Amino acid sequence: MNNETPPPSPRERLYRRERRSVPAARAFAREALADWGVRGRADDVVLCVSELATNALLHGVPPGRGFLLRLWLLPCGDGVRVEVHDSGDGVPAVPLESGGSDEGGRGLLLVSELADKWGVAEREPGKVVWFECGVPAD
């Protein structure tokens, strides 16, 4: 018999295609992490959530649609996985050059630097952009 406590259920929320969805997604992520007792790297996770939510709104969510934010602890409780589901087409990629004065295009670069792993998966319709961050045990 296994005496380990199972990880908490995933947290998820739908957001509309509107500006206030990004700060709402950050607050939702911060609340979930706090409820789970995740303090280490919480700021990294919240920043990555903000970047992916922004990208979903700018590039992945068609008019009249929204995006789904899903967070959960990894099975051993030593990390967090975050997914942003949208119904837009295209495959996001890290820009080849990070220089220049253009304000855009840095979101996935930040995610690739802060997260331990990240990627893009297909869904019908659209895609899922995800990342994982290891978190120290409290």
Protein backbone atom coordinates (compact mmCIF):
# COMPACT_ATOMS: atom_id res chain seq x y z
CA MET A 1 0.00 0.00 0.00
CA ASN A 2 1.29 3.45 -0.92
CA ASN A 3 1.13 6.01 1.90
CA GLU A 4 1.99 8.98 -0.32
CA THR A 5 -0.63 11.67 -0.67
CA PRO A 6 -1.71 12.03 -4.30
CA PRO A 7 -0.94 15.38 -5.90
CA PRO A 8 -3.77 17.93 -5.88
CA SER A 9 -6.11 18.04 -8.83
CA PRO A 10 -5.19 20.28 -11.71
CA ARG A 11 -6.44 23.84 -11.61
CA GLU A 12 -7.86 25.31 -14.79
CA ARG A 13 -9.72 28.37 -15.90
CA LEU A 14 -11.03 29.74 -19.19
CA TYR A 15 -10.22 33.30 -20.19
CA ARG A 16 -11.83 35.52 -22.78
CA ARG A 17 -9.99 37.40 -25.49
CA GLU A 18 -9.53 40.61 -23.53
CA ARG A 19 -6.65 42.49 -21.93
CA ARG A 20 -7.69 41.85 -18.34
CA SER A 21 -7.27 38.10 -18.91
CA VAL A 22 -3.48 38.32 -18.58
CA PRO A 23 -3.41 39.81 -15.05
CA ALA A 24 -6.27 37.47 -14.09
CA ALA A 25 -4.25 34.47 -15.31
CA ARG A 26 -1.22 35.64 -13.29
CA ALA A 27 -3.35 35.99 -10.15
CA PHE A 28 -4.94 32.57 -10.71
CA ALA A 29 -1.50 30.94 -11.10
CA ARG A 30 -0.11 32.69 -8.01
CA GLU A 31 -3.14 31.57 -5.97
CA ALA A 32 -2.81 27.94 -7.11
CA LEU A 33 0.91 27.89 -6.30
CA ALA A 34 0.27 29.39 -2.85
CA ASP A 35 -2.49 26.85 -2.15
CA TRP A 36 -0.08 24.05 -3.06
CA GLY A 37 2.68 25.52 -0.87
CA VAL A 38 4.94 26.24 -3.85
CA ARG A 39 7.18 29.18 -2.99
CA GLY A 40 10.43 28.38 -4.76
CA ARG A 41 10.38 29.60 -8.37
CA ALA A 42 6.79 30.86 -8.04
CA ASP A 43 7.82 34.17 -9.63
CA ASP A 44 9.35 32.31 -12.61
CA VAL A 45 6.17 30.29 -13.07
CA VAL A 46 3.94 33.38 -12.87
CA LEU A 47 6.13 35.29 -15.35
CA CYS A 48 5.96 32.37 -17.80
CA VAL A 49 2.16 32.20 -17.37
CA SER A 50 1.99 35.91 -18.16
CA GLU A 51 4.07 35.50 -21.31
CA LEU A 52 2.09 32.52 -22.62
CA ALA A 53 -1.25 34.17 -21.83
CA THR A 54 -0.12 37.30 -23.67
CA ASN A 55 1.03 35.25 -26.65
CA ALA A 56 -2.29 33.38 -26.72
CA LEU A 57 -4.21 36.66 -26.79
CA LEU A 58 -2.00 38.31 -29.39
CA HIS A 59 -1.40 35.36 -31.70
CA GLY A 60 -3.53 32.35 -30.82
CA VAL A 61 -7.06 33.33 -29.88
CA PRO A 62 -9.40 34.15 -32.76
CA PRO A 63 -12.09 36.81 -32.17
CA GLY A 64 -14.93 35.52 -30.05
CA ARG A 65 -12.82 32.75 -28.53
CA GLY A 66 -10.66 32.37 -25.44
CA PHE A 67 -7.86 30.30 -23.97
CA LEU A 68 -7.63 27.69 -21.24
CA LEU A 69 -4.96 27.89 -18.55
CA ARG A 70 -4.23 24.60 -16.76
CA LEU A 71 -1.74 24.10 -13.90
CA TRP A 72 -0.83 21.04 -11.86
CA LEU A 73 1.87 19.61 -9.67
CA LEU A 74 3.96 16.90 -11.28
CA PRO A 75 3.37 13.39 -9.85
CA CYS A 76 6.23 13.44 -7.35
CA GLY A 77 5.34 16.97 -6.24
CA ASP A 78 8.74 18.27 -7.31
CA GLY A 79 7.57 20.48 -10.12
CA VAL A 80 4.75 22.34 -11.79
CA ARG A 81 3.37 21.94 -15.31
CA VAL A 82 1.46 24.75 -16.99
CA GLU A 83 -0.47 24.56 -20.26
CA VAL A 84 -2.11 27.28 -22.31
CA HIS A 85 -4.64 25.92 -24.81
CA ASP A 86 -5.85 28.08 -27.68
CA SER A 87 -7.69 27.46 -30.93
CA GLY A 88 -5.41 29.49 -33.19
CA ASP A 89 -3.18 28.02 -35.85
CA GLY A 90 0.56 28.39 -36.21
CA VAL A 91 3.41 27.01 -34.16
CA PRO A 92 5.13 29.43 -31.78
CA ALA A 93 8.92 29.46 -31.79
CA VAL A 94 11.71 31.28 -29.99
CA PRO A 95 13.07 34.08 -32.19
CA LEU A 96 16.46 33.26 -33.70
CA GLU A 97 17.85 36.66 -32.73
CA SER A 98 17.18 38.30 -29.38
CA GLY A 99 18.75 41.64 -30.24
CA GLY A 100 17.08 44.72 -31.61
CA SER A 101 14.73 47.25 -30.17
CA ASP A 102 11.48 45.46 -31.09
CA GLU A 103 9.33 45.11 -27.96
CA GLY A 104 7.67 41.92 -29.21
CA GLY A 105 8.96 38.41 -29.61
CA ARG A 106 10.60 38.00 -26.23
CA GLY A 107 7.90 35.99 -24.46
CA LEU A 108 8.98 32.54 -25.61
CA LEU A 109 12.61 33.52 -25.18
CA LEU A 110 11.87 34.23 -21.49
CA VAL A 111 9.94 30.96 -21.14
CA SER A 112 12.79 29.01 -22.75
CA GLU A 113 15.27 30.57 -20.31
CA LEU A 114 13.18 30.29 -17.11
CA ALA A 115 11.44 26.92 -17.56
CA ASP A 116 13.20 23.58 -17.30
CA LYS A 117 11.25 22.28 -20.31
CA TRP A 118 8.73 23.73 -22.71
CA GLY A 119 7.06 22.79 -25.95
CA VAL A 120 4.08 22.93 -28.25
CA ALA A 121 1.55 20.16 -28.82
CA GLU A 122 -1.27 19.93 -31.34
CA ARG A 123 -4.93 19.95 -30.40
CA GLU A 124 -8.03 20.18 -32.52
CA PRO A 125 -8.48 23.02 -33.16
CA GLY A 126 -5.29 24.85 -32.27
CA LYS A 127 -2.39 24.08 -30.00
CA VAL A 128 -1.15 23.73 -26.44
CA VAL A 129 1.94 25.63 -25.34
CA TRP A 130 3.32 24.12 -22.12
CA PHE A 131 6.22 24.42 -19.71
CA GLU A 132 7.50 22.69 -16.61
CA CYS A 133 9.51 24.10 -13.73
CA GLY A 134 11.09 22.05 -10.99
CA VAL A 135 10.35 23.46 -7.56
CA PRO A 136 12.25 22.80 -4.36
CA ALA A 137 10.37 20.81 -1.74
CA ASP A 138 9.11 22.92 1.16
